[in-house]
Protein backbone atom coordinates (compact mmCIF):
# COMPACT_ATOMS: atom_id res chain seq x y z
CA UNK A 1 140.45 104.58 151.28
CA UNK A 2 139.15 105.25 154.75
CA UNK A 3 139.14 108.85 155.92
CA UNK A 4 141.44 109.72 158.79
CA UNK A 5 141.17 112.22 161.61
CA UNK A 6 144.16 113.95 163.24
CA UNK A 7 144.35 115.01 166.88
CA UNK A 8 145.19 118.63 167.62
CA UNK A 9 148.11 117.87 169.98
CA UNK A 10 150.16 115.94 167.43
CA UNK A 11 148.76 112.50 168.30
CA UNK A 12 148.45 109.55 165.97
CA UNK A 13 146.15 109.45 163.00
CA UNK A 14 142.91 107.71 163.95
CA UNK A 15 140.79 106.05 161.31
CA UNK A 16 137.26 107.37 160.96
CA UNK A 17 134.31 105.08 161.51
CA UNK A 18 133.34 103.04 158.45
CA UNK A 19 129.82 103.69 157.20
CA UNK A 20 127.33 100.90 157.48
CA UNK A 21 126.96 98.42 154.64
CA UNK A 22 123.37 99.41 153.97
CA UNK A 23 124.36 103.09 153.60
CA UNK A 24 127.14 102.18 151.15
CA UNK A 25 124.78 100.13 149.01
CA UNK A 26 122.20 102.92 149.09
CA UNK A 27 124.65 105.54 147.71
CA UNK A 28 124.77 105.92 143.91
CA UNK A 29 128.06 105.04 142.13
CA UNK A 30 128.65 108.66 141.02
CA UNK A 31 128.44 109.84 144.62
CA UNK A 32 130.78 107.07 145.71
CA UNK A 33 133.34 108.22 143.10
CA UNK A 34 133.02 111.84 144.33
CA UNK A 35 133.56 110.81 147.94
CA UNK A 36 136.63 108.76 146.95
CA UNK A 37 138.13 111.78 145.19
CA UNK A 38 137.45 113.97 148.24
CA UNK A 39 139.19 111.42 150.45
CA UNK A 40 142.22 111.38 148.15
CA UNK A 41 142.40 115.19 148.27
CA UNK A 42 142.20 115.11 152.06
CA UNK A 43 144.98 112.51 152.19
CA UNK A 44 147.09 114.71 149.91
CA UNK A 45 146.58 117.84 152.08
CA UNK A 46 146.84 115.99 155.38
CA UNK A 47 149.65 116.99 157.78
CA UNK A 48 152.21 114.17 158.03
CA UNK A 49 152.45 112.38 161.34
CA UNK A 50 155.36 112.80 163.76
CA UNK A 51 158.67 111.09 163.19
CA UNK A 52 158.35 108.95 166.34
CA UNK A 53 155.07 107.07 166.34
CA UNK A 54 155.96 104.98 169.39
CA UNK A 55 154.49 105.22 172.84
CA UNK A 56 156.21 106.77 175.83
CA UNK A 57 156.53 103.78 178.18
CA UNK A 58 159.61 104.59 180.26
CA UNK A 59 158.25 107.10 182.79
CA UNK A 60 161.63 107.61 184.42
CA UNK A 61 162.24 111.08 185.85
CA UNK A 62 165.41 112.33 187.51
CA UNK A 63 165.70 115.03 190.16
CA UNK A 64 168.81 117.27 189.98
CA UNK A 65 169.44 119.70 192.81
CA UNK A 66 172.06 120.60 195.42
CA UNK A 67 172.71 121.72 198.95
CA UNK A 68 173.45 125.25 200.06
CA UNK A 69 176.98 126.57 199.83
CA UNK A 70 177.82 125.57 196.25
CA UNK A 71 179.92 127.85 194.05
CA UNK A 72 179.15 129.22 190.59
CA UNK A 73 180.91 126.36 188.79
CA UNK A 74 178.68 123.73 190.41
CA UNK A 75 175.59 125.78 189.60
CA UNK A 76 176.56 125.96 185.92
CA UNK A 77 177.29 122.20 185.91
CA UNK A 78 173.78 121.47 187.21
CA UNK A 79 172.28 123.68 184.50
CA UNK A 80 174.29 121.83 181.84
CA UNK A 81 173.09 118.43 183.11
CA UNK A 82 169.47 119.60 183.15
CA UNK A 83 169.84 120.83 179.59
CA UNK A 84 171.36 117.51 178.47
CA UNK A 85 168.62 115.48 180.19
CA UNK A 86 165.14 116.79 179.25
CA UNK A 87 163.46 114.29 181.60
CA UNK A 88 165.06 115.96 184.64
CA UNK A 89 163.39 118.13 187.26
CA UNK A 90 164.77 120.86 189.52
CA UNK A 91 164.14 121.78 193.13
CA UNK A 92 165.25 124.39 195.65
CA UNK A 93 168.53 124.02 197.52
CA UNK A 94 168.40 121.79 200.56
CA UNK A 95 169.67 122.95 203.93
CA UNK A 96 172.92 121.34 205.02
CA UNK A 97 171.48 120.61 208.48
CA UNK A 98 168.79 118.31 207.03
CA UNK A 99 169.46 114.60 206.80
CA UNK A 100 169.88 112.93 203.44
CA UNK A 101 166.88 110.64 203.95
CA UNK A 102 164.66 113.70 203.39
CA UNK A 103 165.63 113.57 199.70
CA UNK A 104 163.53 110.41 199.25
CA UNK A 105 160.45 112.37 200.31
CA UNK A 106 161.36 115.20 197.91
CA UNK A 107 161.68 112.68 195.07
CA UNK A 108 158.29 111.24 195.94
CA UNK A 109 156.68 114.69 195.90
CA UNK A 110 158.33 115.50 192.57
CA UNK A 111 157.31 112.08 191.15
CA UNK A 112 160.94 111.15 190.43
CA UNK A 113 162.54 107.72 190.78
CA UNK A 114 166.18 108.80 190.23
CA UNK A 115 168.18 111.54 191.91
CA UNK A 116 171.47 113.41 191.37
CA UNK A 117 172.31 115.39 194.48
CA UNK A 118 175.34 117.71 194.75
CA UNK A 119 176.62 118.15 198.30
CA UNK A 120 179.10 120.98 199.03
CA UNK A 121 181.43 120.94 202.03
CA UNK A 122 183.89 123.57 203.25
CA UNK A 123 183.09 125.68 200.16
CA UNK A 124 185.76 123.80 198.22
CA UNK A 125 184.82 120.10 198.16
CA UNK A 126 181.95 118.80 196.00
CA UNK A 127 180.29 115.39 196.35
CA UNK A 128 177.75 113.80 194.01
CA UNK A 129 175.09 111.31 195.12
CA UNK A 130 173.50 109.04 192.51
CA UNK A 131 170.48 107.28 193.96
CA UNK A 132 167.63 105.04 192.89
CA UNK A 133 164.83 106.39 195.05
CA UNK A 134 163.36 105.20 197.36
CA UNK A 135 164.76 101.64 197.70
CA UNK A 136 168.33 102.13 196.49
CA UNK A 137 171.07 101.41 195.77
CA UNK A 138 173.01 104.68 195.91
CA UNK A 139 176.61 105.77 195.30
CA UNK A 140 178.67 108.67 196.59
CA UNK A 141 181.38 110.29 194.45
CA UNK A 142 183.93 113.05 194.84
CA UNK A 143 183.67 115.44 191.86
CA UNK A 144 186.95 116.83 190.51
CA UNK A 145 188.20 118.81 187.49
CA UNK A 146 184.87 120.44 186.60
CA UNK A 147 184.65 122.29 183.26
CA UNK A 148 181.26 123.64 182.17
CA UNK A 149 179.87 124.30 178.69
CA UNK A 150 180.33 128.07 178.94
CA UNK A 151 183.92 127.63 180.08
CA UNK A 152 185.11 125.12 177.45
CA UNK A 153 183.72 126.74 174.26
CA UNK A 154 184.21 123.57 172.19
CA UNK A 155 183.38 123.31 168.50
CA UNK A 156 180.97 120.40 168.98
CA UNK A 157 177.21 120.96 168.93
CA UNK A 158 174.06 118.85 169.25
CA UNK A 159 170.31 119.32 169.22
CA UNK A 160 168.81 120.25 172.57
CA UNK A 161 166.75 117.39 173.96
CA UNK A 162 168.11 114.74 171.59
CA UNK A 163 168.68 111.24 172.94
CA UNK A 164 172.34 110.26 173.45
CA UNK A 165 174.19 107.02 173.00
CA UNK A 166 175.48 105.79 176.35
CA UNK A 167 178.83 104.28 177.07
CA UNK A 168 179.01 102.52 180.48
CA UNK A 169 176.18 104.15 182.50
CA UNK A 170 172.41 104.21 181.72
CA UNK A 171 171.36 106.59 184.54
CA UNK A 172 171.86 109.61 182.28
CA UNK A 173 169.70 108.16 179.48
CA UNK A 174 166.68 110.03 178.12
CA UNK A 175 163.57 107.80 177.95
CA UNK A 176 162.44 106.89 174.47
CA UNK A 177 159.49 108.91 173.10
CA UNK A 178 159.74 111.40 176.00
CA UNK A 179 157.59 114.50 175.24
CA UNK A 180 160.54 116.87 175.73
CA UNK A 181 163.01 114.74 173.78
CA UNK A 182 163.87 114.94 170.10
CA UNK A 183 163.76 111.88 167.78
CA UNK A 184 167.46 112.14 166.92
CA UNK A 185 170.66 110.55 168.20
CA UNK A 186 173.53 112.96 167.52
CA UNK A 187 175.78 112.75 170.59
CA UNK A 188 177.24 110.22 173.00
CA UNK A 189 177.93 110.24 176.76
CA UNK A 190 181.13 108.39 177.64
CA UNK A 191 182.09 107.18 181.12
CA UNK A 192 185.70 105.99 180.96
CA UNK A 193 187.58 104.36 183.87
CA UNK A 194 191.15 105.59 184.12
CA UNK A 195 193.47 106.04 187.11
CA UNK A 196 190.79 104.54 189.43
CA UNK A 197 188.41 107.34 188.46
CA UNK A 198 185.43 107.80 186.12
CA UNK A 199 185.91 110.42 183.40
CA UNK A 200 182.75 111.92 181.87
CA UNK A 201 182.79 113.36 178.34
CA UNK A 202 180.08 114.44 175.90
CA UNK A 203 180.85 114.10 172.18
CA UNK A 204 179.00 115.06 169.01
CA UNK A 205 178.63 112.37 166.32
CA UNK A 206 179.38 113.81 162.87
CA UNK A 207 177.27 112.14 160.19
CA UNK A 208 179.83 112.28 157.37
CA UNK A 209 182.55 110.08 158.84
CA UNK A 210 181.13 109.24 162.31
CA UNK A 211 183.92 111.24 163.96
CA UNK A 212 183.58 112.54 167.53
CA UNK A 213 183.86 116.22 168.47
CA UNK A 214 183.70 117.17 172.14
CA UNK A 215 180.84 119.39 173.31
CA UNK A 216 181.13 119.47 177.10
CA UNK A 217 180.74 119.58 180.04
CA UNK A 218 183.49 117.42 181.52
CA UNK A 219 184.18 116.23 185.05
CA UNK A 220 185.85 113.38 186.95
CA UNK A 221 184.11 111.16 189.52
CA UNK A 222 186.08 109.47 192.29
CA UNK A 223 183.97 106.70 193.81
CA UNK A 224 183.83 106.62 197.62
CA UNK A 225 181.14 104.08 198.61
CA UNK A 226 178.13 102.22 197.26
CA UNK A 227 175.21 101.78 199.68
CA UNK A 228 172.39 99.27 199.60
CA UNK A 229 169.68 101.80 200.42
CA UNK A 230 168.89 105.23 199.08
CA UNK A 231 171.29 107.76 200.67
CA UNK A 232 172.39 105.28 203.32
CA UNK A 233 172.19 101.71 204.49
CA UNK A 234 174.74 98.87 204.54
CA UNK A 235 177.91 99.46 202.55
CA UNK A 236 178.15 97.22 199.47
CA UNK A 237 181.51 98.50 198.18
CA UNK A 238 184.21 100.84 199.43
CA UNK A 239 186.94 102.19 197.18
CA UNK A 240 190.36 101.21 198.63
CA UNK A 241 192.15 103.79 196.44
CA UNK A 242 190.07 106.73 197.65
CA UNK A 243 191.81 109.53 199.51
CA UNK A 244 189.74 112.24 201.17
CA UNK A 245 190.36 115.89 200.22
CA UNK A 246 191.39 116.68 203.81
CA UNK A 247 193.99 113.91 203.73
CA UNK A 248 195.22 115.08 200.32
CA UNK A 249 195.65 118.65 201.55
CA UNK A 250 197.38 117.35 204.67
CA UNK A 251 199.89 115.39 202.56
CA UNK A 252 200.61 118.48 200.45
CA UNK A 253 201.18 120.59 203.56
CA UNK A 254 203.48 117.95 205.06
CA UNK A 255 205.54 117.84 201.83
CA UNK A 256 205.96 121.63 201.77
CA UNK A 257 206.81 121.64 205.50
CA UNK A 258 209.45 118.93 204.94
CA UNK A 259 211.05 121.00 202.17
CA UNK A 260 211.11 124.07 204.44
CA UNK A 261 212.66 122.09 207.32
CA UNK A 262 215.33 120.71 205.00
CA UNK A 263 216.30 124.22 203.88
CA UNK A 264 216.49 125.41 207.49
CA UNK A 265 218.72 122.48 208.42
CA UNK A 266 221.11 123.30 205.57
CA UNK A 267 221.31 126.92 206.77
CA UNK A 268 222.00 125.84 210.37
CA UNK A 269 224.80 123.53 209.23
CA UNK A 270 226.38 126.35 207.26
CA UNK A 271 226.25 128.66 210.30
CA UNK A 272 227.90 126.03 212.50
CA UNK A 273 230.67 125.55 209.97
CA UNK A 274 231.37 129.28 209.94
CA UNK A 275 231.60 129.39 213.75
CA UNK A 276 234.04 126.46 213.97
CA UNK A 277 237.75 127.47 214.43
CA UNK A 278 239.81 126.99 211.34
CA UNK A 279 242.49 124.34 211.59
CA UNK A 280 245.92 125.79 210.75
CA UNK A 281 248.15 123.40 208.88
CA UNK A 282 251.93 123.56 209.49
CA UNK A 283 253.97 125.43 206.89
CA UNK A 284 255.38 123.20 204.18
CA UNK A 285 258.92 124.31 203.25
CA UNK A 286 258.64 122.78 199.81
CA UNK A 287 255.67 125.01 198.98
CA UNK A 288 257.97 128.02 198.28
CA UNK A 289 260.34 126.19 195.93
CA UNK A 290 258.86 127.58 192.71
CA UNK A 291 258.00 131.04 194.13
CA UNK A 292 259.99 133.79 192.36
CA UNK A 293 260.25 137.14 194.08
CA UNK A 294 258.83 140.13 192.20
CA UNK A 295 261.03 142.92 190.95
CA UNK A 296 261.13 145.92 193.25
CA UNK A 297 260.08 149.13 191.55
CA UNK A 298 262.01 152.37 192.29
CA UNK A 299 260.24 154.79 194.60
CA UNK A 300 259.29 158.05 192.82
CA UNK A 301 258.82 161.22 194.82
CA UNK A 302 256.51 163.85 193.26
CA UNK A 303 257.87 167.37 193.86
CA UNK A 304 255.25 169.24 191.79
CA UNK A 305 251.71 169.80 193.04
CA UNK A 306 249.19 168.02 190.82
CA UNK A 307 246.66 170.09 188.92
CA UNK A 308 243.25 170.30 190.57
CA UNK A 309 240.51 168.22 188.99
CA UNK A 310 237.72 170.11 187.27
CA UNK A 311 234.31 169.53 188.84
CA UNK A 312 231.90 169.57 185.88
CA UNK A 313 228.74 169.44 188.00
CA UNK A 314 229.77 172.47 190.06
CA UNK A 315 230.65 174.37 186.89
CA UNK A 316 227.22 173.62 185.38
CA UNK A 317 225.52 174.81 188.57
CA UNK A 318 227.44 178.09 188.51
CA UNK A 319 226.58 178.69 184.85
CA UNK A 320 222.92 177.94 185.53
CA UNK A 321 222.81 180.37 188.50
CA UNK A 322 224.49 183.10 186.43
CA UNK A 323 221.99 182.68 183.59
CA UNK A 324 219.05 182.77 186.00
CA UNK A 325 220.29 186.02 187.64
CA UNK A 326 220.73 187.64 184.23
CA UNK A 327 217.21 186.62 183.23
CA UNK A 328 215.78 188.04 186.47
CA UNK A 329 217.56 191.38 185.86
CA UNK A 330 216.23 191.59 182.32
CA UNK A 331 212.70 190.86 183.49
CA UNK A 332 212.92 193.51 186.23
CA UNK A 333 214.23 196.08 183.66
CA UNK A 334 211.30 195.40 181.33
CA UNK A 335 208.78 195.91 184.13
CA UNK A 336 210.31 199.33 185.00
């Protein structure tokens, strides 16, 4: 058996150079047997190779960062996505005054060909850009119903850096044989279309019965537009069901205002009815047919003065004052 050498950094086992034929013939048979035994011992004590012996070919890297003005929930969501995708890179927050085309230059400096950019507006609306830098295409989404890993506290769990199964979207995939990835597949990313929105979920795959247990995070993406270029360009698709957050808030305010106006109108009608003169109907003589007069009671004149009522509160006050005076006298007598 040929001797093998192992690289220090966990590389592949490389076969040692075979000795020349003349050297093999020159060695005695006893020495050959000894060398064979040594090789077998080395093979027995050799460290086994890594699980994944493939080559890292997919050099895809994804940049995940945001603009200024995001809240704590968005920051935790970005940290969760970076933890789920070991091939991601981070960068400092971008100023809101800068144009979006600057992100292509940032991706080039960071050696990234994909980008997830979170854009915050009005400190309450969050938008997500998914772009293939630098040539495109790119898509803009409205992010809703965000729940982070720390907030959910689900029972599911998976190995950090493991490669997931993907349902619907390959942009979140971890490249095969990535140095930071693990050679296991123990969770799945699902992108489900429901109610004209994309629902993201992360589930653990249980080995016993292949059941799914949710891990987190979870969020909902509402597609706005798809552009031909990276962060701009001609519009390829526009969602006809999309409603902007400003329009949504305006509709809610108009509904509440309509309810308030309706209540005020009911009150005004009631006031007008009270002010209207009452219409007096003529007396109906047949209405008193079944009325029976009540018996008149004899008038009693009281000649004796009634007894005065006892005021219990006043009596208690008088007793309390009397007891207090007696106590004061006793105290003054003791002091003398």
